């Protein structure tokens, strides 16, 4: 399974988002640290879910990272998050 699909699956299961976009933006980082042939190194995630409503920015990021699991996060070089409640 592609990493973008894993991210989508885990975040959907954990937060039932009203809106979720997961983009593999690896190609725009070609030649930079962490980039590797085939992509799947740099991701941008936009998520809106009621679960985040009462959380501050740090708590939201921690919740997303916990939902993705350390094993999945370790396979990603860079993860850009835009989170709203």
C-alpha atoms as a PDB file:
ATOM      1  CA  UNK A   1       0.000   0.000   0.000  1.00  0.00           C
ATOM      2  CA  UNK A   2       1.258   3.481  -0.852  1.00  0.00           C
ATOM      3  CA  UNK A   3       2.136   5.718   2.073  1.00  0.00           C
ATOM      4  CA  UNK A   4      -0.456   8.340   1.048  1.00  0.00           C
ATOM      5  CA  UNK A   5      -3.133   5.648   1.224  1.00  0.00           C
ATOM      6  CA  UNK A   6      -1.901   4.539   4.658  1.00  0.00           C
ATOM      7  CA  UNK A   7      -2.028   8.137   5.894  1.00  0.00           C
ATOM      8  CA  UNK A   8      -5.559   8.550   4.549  1.00  0.00           C
ATOM      9  CA  UNK A   9      -6.718   5.286   6.099  1.00  0.00           C
ATOM     10  CA  UNK A  10      -5.259   6.003   9.537  1.00  0.00           C
ATOM     11  CA  UNK A  11      -6.496   9.596   9.743  1.00  0.00           C
ATOM     12  CA  UNK A  12      -9.967   8.684   8.496  1.00  0.00           C
ATOM     13  CA  UNK A  13     -10.219   5.908  11.067  1.00  0.00           C
ATOM     14  CA  UNK A  14      -8.981   8.054  13.927  1.00  0.00           C
ATOM     15  CA  UNK A  15     -10.782  11.339  13.274  1.00  0.00           C
ATOM     16  CA  UNK A  16     -13.681  10.828  10.795  1.00  0.00           C
ATOM     17  CA  UNK A  17     -12.700  14.091   9.095  1.00  0.00           C
ATOM     18  CA  UNK A  18     -15.120  16.380   7.300  1.00  0.00           C
ATOM     19  CA  UNK A  19     -12.266  17.181   4.918  1.00  0.00           C
ATOM     20  CA  UNK A  20      -8.994  15.372   4.240  1.00  0.00           C
ATOM     21  CA  UNK A  21      -6.370  15.936   1.569  1.00  0.00           C
ATOM     22  CA  UNK A  22      -3.149  13.940   1.463  1.00  0.00           C
ATOM     23  CA  UNK A  23      -0.628  14.936  -1.196  1.00  0.00           C
ATOM     24  CA  UNK A  24       2.721  13.349  -2.013  1.00  0.00           C
ATOM     25  CA  UNK A  25       4.841  16.440  -2.676  1.00  0.00           C
ATOM     26  CA  UNK A  26       8.124  14.537  -2.880  1.00  0.00           C
ATOM     27  CA  UNK A  27       8.911  15.522  -6.455  1.00  0.00           C
ATOM     28  CA  UNK A  28       9.130  19.196  -5.491  1.00  0.00           C
ATOM     29  CA  UNK A  29      11.915  18.218  -3.068  1.00  0.00           C
ATOM     30  CA  UNK A  30      14.051  16.320  -5.598  1.00  0.00           C
ATOM     31  CA  UNK A  31      17.700  16.613  -4.621  1.00  0.00           C
ATOM     32  CA  UNK A  32      16.933  17.784  -1.080  1.00  0.00           C
ATOM     33  CA  UNK A  33      17.659  15.876   2.105  1.00  0.00           C
ATOM     34  CA  UNK A  34      15.534  12.796   2.563  1.00  0.00           C
ATOM     35  CA  UNK A  35      14.363  12.616  -1.041  1.00  0.00           C
ATOM     36  CA  UNK A  36      14.622   9.228  -2.742  1.00  0.00           C
ATOM     37  CA  UNK A  37      13.754   7.891  -6.163  1.00  0.00           C
ATOM     38  CA  UNK A  38      10.102   6.927  -6.404  1.00  0.00           C
ATOM     39  CA  UNK A  39       8.902   9.624  -4.024  1.00  0.00           C
ATOM     40  CA  UNK A  40       6.846   8.884  -0.941  1.00  0.00           C
ATOM     41  CA  UNK A  41       9.178  10.952   1.251  1.00  0.00           C
ATOM     42  CA  UNK A  42       7.469  14.341   1.611  1.00  0.00           C
ATOM     43  CA  UNK A  43       3.740  14.766   2.302  1.00  0.00           C
ATOM     44  CA  UNK A  44       1.289  17.592   2.810  1.00  0.00           C
ATOM     45  CA  UNK A  45      -1.868  16.880   4.820  1.00  0.00           C
ATOM     46  CA  UNK A  46      -4.893  19.133   5.251  1.00  0.00           C
ATOM     47  CA  UNK A  47      -7.473  17.809   7.694  1.00  0.00           C
ATOM     48  CA  UNK A  48     -10.592  19.272   9.287  1.00  0.00           C
ATOM     49  CA  UNK A  49     -12.381  17.271  11.978  1.00  0.00           C
ATOM     50  CA  UNK A  50     -14.567  17.994  14.984  1.00  0.00           C
ATOM     51  CA  UNK A  51     -12.124  15.998  17.130  1.00  0.00           C
ATOM     52  CA  UNK A  52      -9.626  18.871  16.863  1.00  0.00           C
ATOM     53  CA  UNK A  53     -12.054  21.613  17.919  1.00  0.00           C
ATOM     54  CA  UNK A  54     -10.932  21.940  21.548  1.00  0.00           C
ATOM     55  CA  UNK A  55      -7.236  21.154  20.950  1.00  0.00           C
ATOM     56  CA  UNK A  56      -4.425  23.663  20.673  1.00  0.00           C
ATOM     57  CA  UNK A  57      -1.945  23.487  17.795  1.00  0.00           C
ATOM     58  CA  UNK A  58       0.559  21.253  19.614  1.00  0.00           C
ATOM     59  CA  UNK A  59      -2.143  18.828  20.781  1.00  0.00           C
ATOM     60  CA  UNK A  60      -3.498  18.577  17.226  1.00  0.00           C
ATOM     61  CA  UNK A  61      -0.069  17.720  15.821  1.00  0.00           C
ATOM     62  CA  UNK A  62       0.546  15.168  18.562  1.00  0.00           C
ATOM     63  CA  UNK A  63      -2.844  13.556  17.910  1.00  0.00           C
ATOM     64  CA  UNK A  64      -2.123  13.237  14.178  1.00  0.00           C
ATOM     65  CA  UNK A  65       1.336  11.771  14.786  1.00  0.00           C
ATOM     66  CA  UNK A  66      -0.093   9.283  17.299  1.00  0.00           C
ATOM     67  CA  UNK A  67      -2.783   8.218  14.819  1.00  0.00           C
ATOM     68  CA  UNK A  68      -0.198   7.717  12.087  1.00  0.00           C
ATOM     69  CA  UNK A  69       1.908   5.561  14.448  1.00  0.00           C
ATOM     70  CA  UNK A  70       5.665   5.864  14.959  1.00  0.00           C
ATOM     71  CA  UNK A  71       6.336   3.103  12.410  1.00  0.00           C
ATOM     72  CA  UNK A  72       4.622   5.034   9.599  1.00  0.00           C
ATOM     73  CA  UNK A  73       6.051   8.413  10.622  1.00  0.00           C
ATOM     74  CA  UNK A  74       9.561   6.890  10.553  1.00  0.00           C
ATOM     75  CA  UNK A  75       9.096   6.114   6.826  1.00  0.00           C
ATOM     76  CA  UNK A  76       8.328   9.767   6.025  1.00  0.00           C
ATOM     77  CA  UNK A  77      11.062  12.400   5.755  1.00  0.00           C
ATOM     78  CA  UNK A  78       8.796  15.455   5.944  1.00  0.00           C
ATOM     79  CA  UNK A  79       5.146  15.926   6.882  1.00  0.00           C
ATOM     80  CA  UNK A  80       3.428  19.286   6.515  1.00  0.00           C
ATOM     81  CA  UNK A  81       0.193  19.530   8.515  1.00  0.00           C
ATOM     82  CA  UNK A  82      -2.703  21.964   8.246  1.00  0.00           C
ATOM     83  CA  UNK A  83      -5.186  20.973  10.954  1.00  0.00           C
ATOM     84  CA  UNK A  84      -8.473  22.594  11.905  1.00  0.00           C
ATOM     85  CA  UNK A  85     -11.430  21.717  14.063  1.00  0.00           C
END
